[in-house]
Amino acid sequence: MEGREGQTTKDGKWKKAVNVKSDGQHKSKKLKDNSSNCGTQTALLPQCVQSKRCVEQVAQAYFHQFSEGSPTLCRCQMASAWQNVQSLHQWMLENGDKRTDPWLLVYSPMPVASIVLLYLGVVWAGPKLMKHREPVDLKAVLIVYNFAMVCLSVYMFHEFLVTSMLSKYSYLCQPVDYSTSPLAMRMAKACWWFFFSKVIELADTVFFILRKKNSQLTFLHVYHHATMIFNWWAGAKYLAGGQSFCIGLLNTFVHTVMYSYYGLAALGPHMQKYLWWKRYLTSLQLLQFVLLATHTGYNLFTECNFPDSMNAYVFFYCVSLILLFSNFYYQSYLSRKIKKT
């Protein structure tokens, strides 16, 4: 009956019914095409990372879908974003240093990311849990911990210095030696120990929380501790050697002095008269970051077989720490002096 009624209607109505059916088929076909394009575009992305034109073409395809109001856009973008994350994760796993991949916490970024998330959770929840509790007496623990960190820092400083000298490293530009020669492996191990020391140093924050030294939980403290783990996970994973050693060399020297100070301070109030040089410790840390920023900045404008992306990242990271430590120095020492006068 419906077919006959369609035939007896006026031509305009009959044609309109046909057009509606035709439009429905056209839209269905377009949605199907868009859905298939989503997978195609996603598959193209990992292949065209090095091609600006290719990336532009994929972006234009997404814009075309959006401009036509495709209802599959959101789902397509979500699927694409997730596949891009998976592709990036796979790239990170497969393109690391094969020498260091088997070492603890190096192969995948997930364990390190989990540690940092747990750390941030402790920073947020710790002071709340300790609010109605008495500070924990950690004198013996702090003495052992700080002097153990002095020993570890001295060991790493020795390894960075001696290995770089035996390998005849350039202190201006030094590519990474990815070979398995004894000296190359020795430098890679020094880089791994330096990375792992950053995991150990998260205990600094835990001790502050347990002792209810919440004034020490500054943005500078948390930012520095959380980011250094990721920075040196990348160092151990991709650049275990080369001019990365400069960062380790300077930082382990500074940390030898720093943990010596904290170890002496942990011995008790009677040591305070010998710790007049605390403000110079902050100056030493600032000098470290200025030297590293200068070093990496120099390499950005010279021919050096070391990734510019890493040099640029280290440069801007050091600038951020220079600003934060400068503010800390001003607030801790200069502003107080101004108020007294």
C-alpha atoms as a PDB file:
ATOM      1  CA  MET A   1       0.000   0.000   0.000  1.00  0.00           C
ATOM      2  CA  GLU A   2       2.767   2.359   0.900  1.00  0.00           C
ATOM      3  CA  GLY A   3       4.431   1.827  -2.466  1.00  0.00           C
ATOM      4  CA  ARG A   4       1.190   2.424  -4.339  1.00  0.00           C
ATOM      5  CA  GLU A   5       0.417   5.537  -2.325  1.00  0.00           C
ATOM      6  CA  GLY A   6       3.820   6.760  -3.240  1.00  0.00           C
ATOM      7  CA  GLN A   7       3.077   6.273  -6.913  1.00  0.00           C
ATOM      8  CA  THR A   8      -0.297   8.074  -6.766  1.00  0.00           C
ATOM      9  CA  THR A   9       1.084  11.130  -5.045  1.00  0.00           C
ATOM     10  CA  LYS A  10       2.066  14.248  -6.898  1.00  0.00           C
ATOM     11  CA  ASP A  11       5.431  14.268  -8.619  1.00  0.00           C
ATOM     12  CA  GLY A  12       6.842  16.822  -6.245  1.00  0.00           C
ATOM     13  CA  LYS A  13       6.024  14.736  -3.193  1.00  0.00           C
ATOM     14  CA  TRP A  14       7.211  11.551  -4.797  1.00  0.00           C
ATOM     15  CA  LYS A  15      10.474  13.149  -5.809  1.00  0.00           C
ATOM     16  CA  LYS A  16      10.898  14.591  -2.303  1.00  0.00           C
ATOM     17  CA  ALA A  17      10.529  11.145  -0.785  1.00  0.00           C
ATOM     18  CA  VAL A  18      13.141   9.818  -3.156  1.00  0.00           C
ATOM     19  CA  ASN A  19      15.426  12.739  -2.332  1.00  0.00           C
ATOM     20  CA  VAL A  20      15.066  12.080   1.393  1.00  0.00           C
ATOM     21  CA  LYS A  21      16.004   8.470   0.832  1.00  0.00           C
ATOM     22  CA  SER A  22      18.892   9.545  -1.354  1.00  0.00           C
ATOM     23  CA  ASP A  23      20.066  12.096   1.221  1.00  0.00           C
ATOM     24  CA  GLY A  24      19.901   9.450   3.933  1.00  0.00           C
ATOM     25  CA  GLN A  25      22.046   7.106   1.860  1.00  0.00           C
ATOM     26  CA  HIS A  26      24.498   9.951   1.171  1.00  0.00           C
ATOM     27  CA  LYS A  27      24.812  10.829   4.885  1.00  0.00           C
ATOM     28  CA  SER A  28      25.219   7.192   5.824  1.00  0.00           C
ATOM     29  CA  LYS A  29      27.971   6.828   3.244  1.00  0.00           C
ATOM     30  CA  LYS A  30      29.671  10.039   4.508  1.00  0.00           C
ATOM     31  CA  LEU A  31      29.640   8.819   8.121  1.00  0.00           C
ATOM     32  CA  LYS A  32      31.125   5.535   7.025  1.00  0.00           C
ATOM     33  CA  ASP A  33      33.807   7.334   5.039  1.00  0.00           C
ATOM     34  CA  ASN A  34      34.593   9.611   7.992  1.00  0.00           C
ATOM     35  CA  SER A  35      34.854   6.631  10.306  1.00  0.00           C
ATOM     36  CA  SER A  36      37.294   4.905   8.003  1.00  0.00           C
ATOM     37  CA  ASN A  37      39.221   8.155   7.517  1.00  0.00           C
ATOM     38  CA  CYS A  38      39.690   8.367  11.269  1.00  0.00           C
ATOM     39  CA  GLY A  39      41.674   5.141  11.315  1.00  0.00           C
ATOM     40  CA  THR A  40      43.589   6.120   8.187  1.00  0.00           C
ATOM     41  CA  GLN A  41      44.576   9.529   9.563  1.00  0.00           C
ATOM     42  CA  THR A  42      45.565   8.036  12.905  1.00  0.00           C
ATOM     43  CA  ALA A  43      47.709   5.447  11.185  1.00  0.00           C
ATOM     44  CA  LEU A  44      49.407   8.178   9.157  1.00  0.00           C
ATOM     45  CA  LEU A  45      50.469  10.277  12.143  1.00  0.00           C
ATOM     46  CA  PRO A  46      53.379   8.124  13.408  1.00  0.00           C
ATOM     47  CA  GLN A  47      54.667   7.869   9.830  1.00  0.00           C
ATOM     48  CA  CYS A  48      54.747  11.598   9.139  1.00  0.00           C
ATOM     49  CA  VAL A  49      56.245  13.041  12.312  1.00  0.00           C
ATOM     50  CA  GLN A  50      59.237  14.236  10.287  1.00  0.00           C
ATOM     51  CA  SER A  51      57.090  15.729   7.479  1.00  0.00           C
ATOM     52  CA  LYS A  52      55.500  19.110   8.136  1.00  0.00           C
ATOM     53  CA  ARG A  53      53.420  18.852   4.940  1.00  0.00           C
ATOM     54  CA  CYS A  54      52.071  15.450   5.933  1.00  0.00           C
ATOM     55  CA  VAL A  55      51.019  16.725   9.363  1.00  0.00           C
ATOM     56  CA  GLU A  56      49.283  19.693   7.707  1.00  0.00           C
ATOM     57  CA  GLN A  57      47.334  17.371   5.396  1.00  0.00           C
ATOM     58  CA  VAL A  58      46.133  15.261   8.317  1.00  0.00           C
ATOM     59  CA  ALA A  59      45.138  18.421  10.217  1.00  0.00           C
ATOM     60  CA  GLN A  60      43.208  19.687   7.175  1.00  0.00           C
ATOM     61  CA  ALA A  61      41.341  16.386   6.967  1.00  0.00           C
ATOM     62  CA  TYR A  62      40.240  16.758  10.587  1.00  0.00           C
ATOM     63  CA  PHE A  63      39.158  20.356   9.955  1.00  0.00           C
ATOM     64  CA  HIS A  64      37.143  19.201   6.925  1.00  0.00           C
ATOM     65  CA  GLN A  65      35.281  16.724   9.107  1.00  0.00           C
ATOM     66  CA  PHE A  66      34.585  19.386  11.713  1.00  0.00           C
ATOM     67  CA  SER A  67      33.354  21.941   9.163  1.00  0.00           C
ATOM     68  CA  GLU A  68      30.812  19.446   7.837  1.00  0.00           C
ATOM     69  CA  GLY A  69      29.542  18.777  11.353  1.00  0.00           C
ATOM     70  CA  SER A  70      30.393  15.100  11.371  1.00  0.00           C
ATOM     71  CA  PRO A  71      28.857  13.427  14.444  1.00  0.00           C
ATOM     72  CA  THR A  72      31.790  11.004  14.477  1.00  0.00           C
ATOM     73  CA  LEU A  73      34.311  13.809  15.085  1.00  0.00           C
ATOM     74  CA  CYS A  74      34.488  13.503  18.867  1.00  0.00           C
ATOM     75  CA  ARG A  75      34.771   9.721  18.779  1.00  0.00           C
ATOM     76  CA  CYS A  76      37.300   9.947  15.960  1.00  0.00           C
ATOM     77  CA  GLN A  77      39.453  12.452  17.849  1.00  0.00           C
ATOM     78  CA  MET A  78      39.344  10.411  21.050  1.00  0.00           C
ATOM     79  CA  ALA A  79      40.367   7.257  19.209  1.00  0.00           C
ATOM     80  CA  SER A  80      43.064   9.180  17.382  1.00  0.00           C
ATOM     81  CA  ALA A  81      44.403  10.771  20.578  1.00  0.00           C
ATOM     82  CA  TRP A  82      44.556   7.403  22.343  1.00  0.00           C
ATOM     83  CA  GLN A  83      46.316   5.784  19.384  1.00  0.00           C
ATOM     84  CA  ASN A  84      48.782   8.683  19.316  1.00  0.00           C
ATOM     85  CA  VAL A  85      49.516   8.138  23.013  1.00  0.00           C
ATOM     86  CA  GLN A  86      50.057   4.443  22.341  1.00  0.00           C
ATOM     87  CA  SER A  87      52.322   5.244  19.394  1.00  0.00           C
ATOM     88  CA  LEU A  88      54.339   7.690  21.495  1.00  0.00           C
ATOM     89  CA  HIS A  89      54.656   5.163  24.312  1.00  0.00           C
ATOM     90  CA  GLN A  90      55.802   2.500  21.867  1.00  0.00           C
ATOM     91  CA  TRP A  91      58.326   4.921  20.371  1.00  0.00           C
ATOM     92  CA  MET A  92      59.661   5.696  23.852  1.00  0.00           C
ATOM     93  CA  LEU A  93      60.080   1.998  24.588  1.00  0.00           C
ATOM     94  CA  GLU A  94      61.756   1.098  21.306  1.00  0.00           C
ATOM     95  CA  ASN A  95      64.119   4.048  20.827  1.00  0.00           C
ATOM     96  CA  GLY A  96      65.955   4.004  24.138  1.00  0.00           C
ATOM     97  CA  ASP A  97      69.556   3.099  24.844  1.00  0.00           C
ATOM     98  CA  LYS A  98      69.703  -0.699  24.620  1.00  0.00           C
ATOM     99  CA  ARG A  99      72.528  -0.720  27.160  1.00  0.00           C
ATOM    100  CA  THR A 100      70.452   0.890  29.909  1.00  0.00           C
ATOM    101  CA  ASP A 101      67.001  -0.524  29.072  1.00  0.00           C
ATOM    102  CA  PRO A 102      67.449  -3.601  31.329  1.00  0.00           C
ATOM    103  CA  TRP A 103      68.395  -1.448  34.330  1.00  0.00           C
ATOM    104  CA  LEU A 104      65.984  -0.667  37.152  1.00  0.00           C
ATOM    105  CA  LEU A 105      63.187   1.838  36.270  1.00  0.00           C
ATOM    106  CA  VAL A 106      64.650   2.695  32.849  1.00  0.00           C
ATOM    107  CA  TYR A 107      62.766   0.734  30.174  1.00  0.00           C
ATOM    108  CA  SER A 108      59.303   2.285  30.546  1.00  0.00           C
ATOM    109  CA  PRO A 109      58.230   5.731  31.784  1.00  0.00           C
ATOM    110  CA  MET A 110      55.259   4.239  33.634  1.00  0.00           C
ATOM    111  CA  PRO A 111      57.057   3.235  36.887  1.00  0.00           C
ATOM    112  CA  VAL A 112      58.651   6.679  37.155  1.00  0.00           C
ATOM    113  CA  ALA A 113      55.331   8.391  36.390  1.00  0.00           C
ATOM    114  CA  SER A 114      53.703   6.292  39.119  1.00  0.00           C
ATOM    115  CA  ILE A 115      56.413   7.279  41.607  1.00  0.00           C
ATOM    116  CA  VAL A 116      55.941  10.974  40.832  1.00  0.00           C
ATOM    117  CA  LEU A 117      52.146  10.725  41.146  1.00  0.00           C
ATOM    118  CA  LEU A 118      52.557   8.946  44.484  1.00  0.00           C
ATOM    119  CA  TYR A 119      55.024  11.646  45.560  1.00  0.00           C
ATOM    120  CA  LEU A 120      52.573  14.434  44.702  1.00  0.00           C
ATOM    121  CA  GLY A 121      49.857  12.550  46.564  1.00  0.00           C
ATOM    122  CA  VAL A 122      52.071  12.378  49.658  1.00  0.00           C
ATOM    123  CA  VAL A 123      52.836  16.109  49.371  1.00  0.00           C
ATOM    124  CA  TRP A 124      49.103  16.840  49.277  1.00  0.00           C
ATOM    125  CA  ALA A 125      47.888  14.365  51.918  1.00  0.00           C
ATOM    126  CA  GLY A 126      50.915  14.186  54.225  1.00  0.00           C
ATOM    127  CA  PRO A 127      50.546  17.546  55.998  1.00  0.00           C
ATOM    128  CA  LYS A 128      46.820  16.894  56.479  1.00  0.00           C
ATOM    129  CA  LEU A 129      47.509  13.515  58.102  1.00  0.00           C
ATOM    130  CA  MET A 130      50.172  15.044  60.365  1.00  0.00           C
ATOM    131  CA  LYS A 131      48.078  18.075  61.344  1.00  0.00           C
ATOM    132  CA  HIS A 132      46.930  16.669  64.702  1.00  0.00           C
ATOM    133  CA  ARG A 133      49.994  14.532  65.359  1.00  0.00           C
ATOM    134  CA  GLU A 134      53.265  15.303  67.066  1.00  0.00           C
ATOM    135  CA  PRO A 135      56.383  15.742  64.894  1.00  0.00           C
ATOM    136  CA  VAL A 136      58.355  12.528  64.510  1.00  0.00           C
ATOM    137  CA  ASP A 137      61.851  12.490  66.009  1.00  0.00           C
ATOM    138  CA  LEU A 138      64.086  11.503  63.096  1.00  0.00           C
ATOM    139  CA  LYS A 139      67.460  12.652  64.411  1.00  0.00           C
ATOM    140  CA  ALA A 140      69.225   9.295  64.016  1.00  0.00           C
ATOM    141  CA  VAL A 141      67.573   8.638  60.657  1.00  0.00           C
ATOM    142  CA  LEU A 142      68.560  12.068  59.322  1.00  0.00           C
ATOM    143  CA  ILE A 143      72.176  11.692  60.404  1.00  0.00           C
ATOM    144  CA  VAL A 144      72.489   8.333  58.646  1.00  0.00           C
ATOM    145  CA  TYR A 145      70.527   9.457  55.578  1.00  0.00           C
ATOM    146  CA  ASN A 146      72.381  12.725  55.005  1.00  0.00           C
ATOM    147  CA  PHE A 147      75.856  11.297  55.405  1.00  0.00           C
ATOM    148  CA  ALA A 148      74.893   8.321  53.222  1.00  0.00           C
ATOM    149  CA  MET A 149      73.845  10.836  50.548  1.00  0.00           C
ATOM    150  CA  VAL A 150      77.206  12.570  50.971  1.00  0.00           C
ATOM    151  CA  CYS A 151      78.959   9.266  50.266  1.00  0.00           C
ATOM    152  CA  LEU A 152      76.755   8.564  47.235  1.00  0.00           C
ATOM    153  CA  SER A 153      77.320  12.087  45.886  1.00  0.00           C
ATOM    154  CA  VAL A 154      81.094  11.775  46.308  1.00  0.00           C
ATOM    155  CA  TYR A 155      81.032   8.419  44.500  1.00  0.00           C
ATOM    156  CA  MET A 156      79.023   9.821  41.565  1.00  0.00           C
ATOM    157  CA  PHE A 157      81.191  12.943  41.361  1.00  0.00           C
ATOM    158  CA  HIS A 158      84.288  10.722  41.232  1.00  0.00           C
ATOM    159  CA  GLU A 159      82.770   8.559  38.488  1.00  0.00           C
ATOM    160  CA  PHE A 160      81.732  11.525  36.349  1.00  0.00           C
ATOM    161  CA  LEU A 161      85.076  13.277  36.748  1.00  0.00           C
ATOM    162  CA  VAL A 162      87.429  10.311  36.343  1.00  0.00           C
ATOM    163  CA  THR A 163      85.491   8.650  33.511  1.00  0.00           C
ATOM    164  CA  SER A 164      85.232  11.902  31.554  1.00  0.00           C
ATOM    165  CA  MET A 165      88.972  12.495  31.948  1.00  0.00           C
ATOM    166  CA  LEU A 166      89.920   8.941  30.953  1.00  0.00           C
ATOM    167  CA  SER A 167      87.571   9.178  27.959  1.00  0.00           C
ATOM    168  CA  LYS A 168      89.070  12.575  27.045  1.00  0.00           C
ATOM    169  CA  TYR A 169      85.663  14.233  27.036  1.00  0.00           C
ATOM    170  CA  SER A 170      85.274  17.748  25.732  1.00  0.00           C
ATOM    171  CA  TYR A 171      83.789  20.101  28.309  1.00  0.00           C
ATOM    172  CA  LEU A 172      82.198  22.181  25.542  1.00  0.00           C
ATOM    173  CA  CYS A 173      80.621  19.571  23.268  1.00  0.00           C
ATOM    174  CA  GLN A 174      80.601  15.827  23.790  1.00  0.00           C
ATOM    175  CA  PRO A 175      78.391  13.378  21.813  1.00  0.00           C
ATOM    176  CA  VAL A 176      77.075  10.259  23.529  1.00  0.00           C
ATOM    177  CA  ASP A 177      79.175   7.122  23.105  1.00  0.00           C
ATOM    178  CA  TYR A 178      76.613   4.321  22.712  1.00  0.00           C
ATOM    179  CA  SER A 179      79.229   1.585  22.496  1.00  0.00           C
ATOM    180  CA  THR A 180      79.729  -1.122  25.101  1.00  0.00           C
ATOM    181  CA  SER A 181      83.356  -0.217  25.749  1.00  0.00           C
ATOM    182  CA  PRO A 182      84.359  -0.248  29.445  1.00  0.00           C
ATOM    183  CA  LEU A 183      84.556   3.546  29.692  1.00  0.00           C
ATOM    184  CA  ALA A 184      81.270   4.112  27.836  1.00  0.00           C
ATOM    185  CA  MET A 185      79.508   1.631  30.127  1.00  0.00           C
ATOM    186  CA  ARG A 186      81.106   3.201  33.183  1.00  0.00           C
ATOM    187  CA  MET A 187      79.729   6.607  32.207  1.00  0.00           C
ATOM    188  CA  ALA A 188      76.296   5.101  31.492  1.00  0.00           C
ATOM    189  CA  LYS A 189      76.271   3.528  34.964  1.00  0.00           C
ATOM    190  CA  ALA A 190      77.209   6.864  36.530  1.00  0.00           C
ATOM    191  CA  CYS A 191      74.241   8.435  34.717  1.00  0.00           C
ATOM    192  CA  TRP A 192      71.942   5.685  35.996  1.00  0.00           C
ATOM    193  CA  TRP A 193      73.116   6.150  39.574  1.00  0.00           C
ATOM    194  CA  PHE A 194      72.533   9.875  39.235  1.00  0.00           C
ATOM    195  CA  PHE A 195      68.982   9.203  38.015  1.00  0.00           C
ATOM    196  CA  PHE A 196      68.343   6.749  40.849  1.00  0.00           C
ATOM    197  CA  SER A 197      69.686   9.231  43.406  1.00  0.00           C
ATOM    198  CA  LYS A 198      66.845  11.551  42.377  1.00  0.00           C
ATOM    199  CA  VAL A 199      64.378   8.845  43.370  1.00  0.00           C
ATOM    200  CA  ILE A 200      66.109   8.470  46.748  1.00  0.00           C
ATOM    201  CA  GLU A 201      66.039  12.242  47.287  1.00  0.00           C
ATOM    202  CA  LEU A 202      62.236  12.188  47.421  1.00  0.00           C
ATOM    203  CA  ALA A 203      62.819  11.117  51.022  1.00  0.00           C
ATOM    204  CA  ASP A 204      63.786  14.749  51.742  1.00  0.00           C
ATOM    205  CA  THR A 205      60.135  15.702  51.327  1.00  0.00           C
ATOM    206  CA  VAL A 206      58.863  12.796  53.423  1.00  0.00           C
ATOM    207  CA  PHE A 207      61.166  13.829  56.275  1.00  0.00           C
ATOM    208  CA  PHE A 208      59.883  17.416  56.122  1.00  0.00           C
ATOM    209  CA  ILE A 209      56.299  16.149  56.379  1.00  0.00           C
ATOM    210  CA  LEU A 210      56.986  13.768  59.272  1.00  0.00           C
ATOM    211  CA  ARG A 211      58.821  16.515  61.176  1.00  0.00           C
ATOM    212  CA  LYS A 212      56.002  18.992  60.358  1.00  0.00           C
ATOM    213  CA  LYS A 213      58.402  21.353  58.610  1.00  0.00           C
ATOM    214  CA  ASN A 214      55.648  22.409  56.222  1.00  0.00           C
ATOM    215  CA  SER A 215      57.298  25.757  55.524  1.00  0.00           C
ATOM    216  CA  GLN A 216      59.952  23.785  53.641  1.00  0.00           C
ATOM    217  CA  LEU A 217      57.355  22.327  51.250  1.00  0.00           C
ATOM    218  CA  THR A 218      57.626  25.223  48.833  1.00  0.00           C
ATOM    219  CA  PHE A 219      56.778  25.166  45.149  1.00  0.00           C
ATOM    220  CA  LEU A 220      60.518  25.290  44.440  1.00  0.00           C
ATOM    221  CA  HIS A 221      61.159  22.185  46.543  1.00  0.00           C
ATOM    222  CA  VAL A 222      58.340  20.090  45.045  1.00  0.00           C
ATOM    223  CA  TYR A 223      58.921  21.289  41.472  1.00  0.00           C
ATOM    224  CA  HIS A 224      62.647  20.577  41.634  1.00  0.00           C
ATOM    225  CA  HIS A 225      62.296  17.097  43.142  1.00  0.00           C
ATOM    226  CA  ALA A 226      59.424  15.962  40.901  1.00  0.00           C
ATOM    227  CA  THR A 227      60.895  17.192  37.621  1.00  0.00           C
ATOM    228  CA  MET A 228      64.454  16.000  38.177  1.00  0.00           C
ATOM    229  CA  ILE A 229      63.258  12.390  38.220  1.00  0.00           C
ATOM    230  CA  PHE A 230      61.703  12.714  34.768  1.00  0.00           C
ATOM    231  CA  ASN A 231      64.669  14.692  33.464  1.00  0.00           C
ATOM    232  CA  TRP A 232      67.147  12.049  34.477  1.00  0.00           C
ATOM    233  CA  TRP A 233      64.940   9.141  33.548  1.00  0.00           C
ATOM    234  CA  ALA A 234      65.194  10.588  30.016  1.00  0.00           C
ATOM    235  CA  GLY A 235      68.934  11.029  30.524  1.00  0.00           C
ATOM    236  CA  ALA A 236      69.442   7.397  31.538  1.00  0.00           C
ATOM    237  CA  LYS A 237      67.030   6.144  28.858  1.00  0.00           C
ATOM    238  CA  TYR A 238      68.306   8.094  25.832  1.00  0.00           C
ATOM    239  CA  LEU A 239      71.468  10.079  26.650  1.00  0.00           C
ATOM    240  CA  ALA A 240      73.489   8.071  29.157  1.00  0.00           C
ATOM    241  CA  GLY A 241      76.788   9.799  28.528  1.00  0.00           C
ATOM    242  CA  GLY A 242      78.099  12.581  26.366  1.00  0.00           C
ATOM    243  CA  GLN A 243      77.769  16.077  27.712  1.00  0.00           C
ATOM    244  CA  SER A 244      75.010  14.954  30.067  1.00  0.00           C
ATOM    245  CA  PHE A 245      77.906  14.259  32.415  1.00  0.00           C
ATOM    246  CA  CYS A 246      78.352  18.029  32.974  1.00  0.00           C
ATOM    247  CA  ILE A 247      75.004  18.189  34.762  1.00  0.00           C
ATOM    248  CA  GLY A 248      75.875  15.207  36.934  1.00  0.00           C
ATOM    249  CA  LEU A 249      79.367  16.497  37.678  1.00  0.00           C
ATOM    250  CA  LEU A 250      78.198  19.906  38.896  1.00  0.00           C
ATOM    251  CA  ASN A 251      75.106  18.638  40.701  1.00  0.00           C
ATOM    252  CA  THR A 252      76.896  15.895  42.630  1.00  0.00           C
ATOM    253  CA  PHE A 253      79.520  18.403  43.795  1.00  0.00           C
ATOM    254  CA  VAL A 254      76.790  20.766  45.012  1.00  0.00           C
ATOM    255  CA  HIS A 255      74.919  17.909  46.690  1.00  0.00           C
ATOM    256  CA  THR A 256      78.067  16.759  48.466  1.00  0.00           C
ATOM    257  CA  VAL A 257      78.257  20.188  50.086  1.00  0.00           C
ATOM    258  CA  MET A 258      74.489  20.394  50.650  1.00  0.00           C
ATOM    259  CA  TYR A 259      74.071  17.021  52.344  1.00  0.00           C
ATOM    260  CA  SER A 260      77.178  17.691  54.425  1.00  0.00           C
ATOM    261  CA  TYR A 261      75.415  20.787  55.736  1.00  0.00           C
ATOM    262  CA  TYR A 262      72.205  18.878  56.482  1.00  0.00           C
ATOM    263  CA  GLY A 263      74.146  16.058  58.126  1.00  0.00           C
ATOM    264  CA  LEU A 264      75.975  18.464  60.426  1.00  0.00           C
ATOM    265  CA  ALA A 265      72.727  20.289  61.221  1.00  0.00           C
ATOM    266  CA  ALA A 266      71.105  16.965  62.169  1.00  0.00           C
ATOM    267  CA  LEU A 267      73.745  16.397  64.853  1.00  0.00           C
ATOM    268  CA  GLY A 268      72.089  19.000  67.048  1.00  0.00           C
ATOM    269  CA  PRO A 269      71.890  22.703  68.002  1.00  0.00           C
ATOM    270  CA  HIS A 270      75.500  22.735  69.170  1.00  0.00           C
ATOM    271  CA  MET A 271      76.564  22.539  65.501  1.00  0.00           C
ATOM    272  CA  GLN A 272      74.753  25.730  64.463  1.00  0.00           C
ATOM    273  CA  LYS A 273      77.753  27.951  65.154  1.00  0.00           C
ATOM    274  CA  TYR A 274      79.661  26.016  62.483  1.00  0.00           C
ATOM    275  CA  LEU A 275      76.914  26.379  59.887  1.00  0.00           C
ATOM    276  CA  TRP A 276      77.215  30.103  59.166  1.00  0.00           C
ATOM    277  CA  TRP A 277      77.757  29.325  55.487  1.00  0.00           C
ATOM    278  CA  LYS A 278      74.148  28.267  54.784  1.00  0.00           C
ATOM    279  CA  ARG A 279      73.399  31.276  52.564  1.00  0.00           C
ATOM    280  CA  TYR A 280      76.424  30.474  50.418  1.00  0.00           C
ATOM    281  CA  LEU A 281      74.918  27.051  49.756  1.00  0.00           C
ATOM    282  CA  THR A 282      72.035  28.734  47.927  1.00  0.00           C
ATOM    283  CA  SER A 283      74.563  30.866  46.032  1.00  0.00           C
ATOM    284  CA  LEU A 284      76.398  27.692  45.017  1.00  0.00           C
ATOM    285  CA  GLN A 285      73.166  26.178  43.712  1.00  0.00           C
ATOM    286  CA  LEU A 286      72.450  29.330  41.719  1.00  0.00           C
ATOM    287  CA  LEU A 287      75.965  29.307  40.263  1.00  0.00           C
ATOM    288  CA  GLN A 288      75.429  25.691  39.193  1.00  0.00           C
ATOM    289  CA  PHE A 289      72.327  26.549  37.168  1.00  0.00           C
ATOM    290  CA  VAL A 290      73.929  29.629  35.623  1.00  0.00           C
ATOM    291  CA  LEU A 291      76.888  27.528  34.453  1.00  0.00           C
ATOM    292  CA  LEU A 292      74.613  24.824  33.034  1.00  0.00           C
ATOM    293  CA  ALA A 293      72.399  27.360  31.255  1.00  0.00           C
ATOM    294  CA  THR A 294      75.507  28.971  29.759  1.00  0.00           C
ATOM    295  CA  HIS A 295      76.896  25.599  28.690  1.00  0.00           C
ATOM    296  CA  THR A 296      73.710  24.384  26.999  1.00  0.00           C
ATOM    297  CA  GLY A 297      73.018  27.826  25.531  1.00  0.00           C
ATOM    298  CA  TYR A 298      76.458  27.793  23.933  1.00  0.00           C
ATOM    299  CA  ASN A 299      75.769  24.409  22.345  1.00  0.00           C
ATOM    300  CA  LEU A 300      72.514  25.647  20.847  1.00  0.00           C
ATOM    301  CA  PHE A 301      74.470  28.024  18.624  1.00  0.00           C
ATOM    302  CA  THR A 302      77.393  25.769  17.713  1.00  0.00           C
ATOM    303  CA  GLU A 303      77.789  22.601  15.691  1.00  0.00           C
ATOM    304  CA  CYS A 304      77.559  19.812  18.247  1.00  0.00           C
ATOM    305  CA  ASN A 305      76.417  16.238  17.708  1.00  0.00           C
ATOM    306  CA  PHE A 306      74.101  16.343  20.707  1.00  0.00           C
ATOM    307  CA  PRO A 307      70.301  16.784  20.427  1.00  0.00           C
ATOM    308  CA  ASP A 308      69.329  20.452  20.237  1.00  0.00           C
ATOM    309  CA  SER A 309      65.976  19.545  21.756  1.00  0.00           C
ATOM    310  CA  MET A 310      67.719  18.347  24.910  1.00  0.00           C
ATOM    311  CA  ASN A 311      69.981  21.395  25.031  1.00  0.00           C
ATOM    312  CA  ALA A 312      66.963  23.686  24.651  1.00  0.00           C
ATOM    313  CA  TYR A 313      65.035  21.850  27.352  1.00  0.00           C
ATOM    314  CA  VAL A 314      67.951  21.957  29.808  1.00  0.00           C
ATOM    315  CA  PHE A 315      68.501  25.651  29.062  1.00  0.00           C
ATOM    316  CA  PHE A 316      64.903  26.675  29.827  1.00  0.00           C
ATOM    317  CA  TYR A 317      64.737  24.323  32.803  1.00  0.00           C
ATOM    318  CA  CYS A 318      67.849  25.947  34.264  1.00  0.00           C
ATOM    319  CA  VAL A 319      66.360  29.393  33.649  1.00  0.00           C
ATOM    320  CA  SER A 320      63.252  28.369  35.615  1.00  0.00           C
ATOM    321  CA  LEU A 321      65.424  27.203  38.518  1.00  0.00           C
ATOM    322  CA  ILE A 322      67.531  30.369  38.401  1.00  0.00           C
ATOM    323  CA  LEU A 323      64.359  32.433  38.787  1.00  0.00           C
ATOM    324  CA  LEU A 324      62.994  30.263  41.598  1.00  0.00           C
ATOM    325  CA  PHE A 325      66.266  30.064  43.545  1.00  0.00           C
ATOM    326  CA  SER A 326      66.847  33.802  43.087  1.00  0.00           C
ATOM    327  CA  ASN A 327      63.427  34.483  44.577  1.00  0.00           C
ATOM    328  CA  PHE A 328      64.196  32.094  47.448  1.00  0.00           C
ATOM    329  CA  TYR A 329      67.536  33.824  48.103  1.00  0.00           C
ATOM    330  CA  TYR A 330      65.895  37.240  48.069  1.00  0.00           C
ATOM    331  CA  GLN A 331      63.068  36.214  50.407  1.00  0.00           C
ATOM    332  CA  SER A 332      65.387  34.339  52.792  1.00  0.00           C
ATOM    333  CA  TYR A 333      68.286  36.780  53.062  1.00  0.00           C
ATOM    334  CA  LEU A 334      67.959  40.114  51.257  1.00  0.00           C
ATOM    335  CA  SER A 335      64.379  41.029  52.211  1.00  0.00           C
ATOM    336  CA  ARG A 336      65.099  40.294  55.881  1.00  0.00           C
ATOM    337  CA  LYS A 337      68.144  42.542  55.792  1.00  0.00           C
ATOM    338  CA  ILE A 338      66.084  45.325  54.207  1.00  0.00           C
ATOM    339  CA  LYS A 339      63.389  44.993  56.905  1.00  0.00           C
ATOM    340  CA  LYS A 340      65.996  45.186  59.676  1.00  0.00           C
ATOM    341  CA  THR A 341      67.434  48.403  58.254  1.00  0.00           C
END
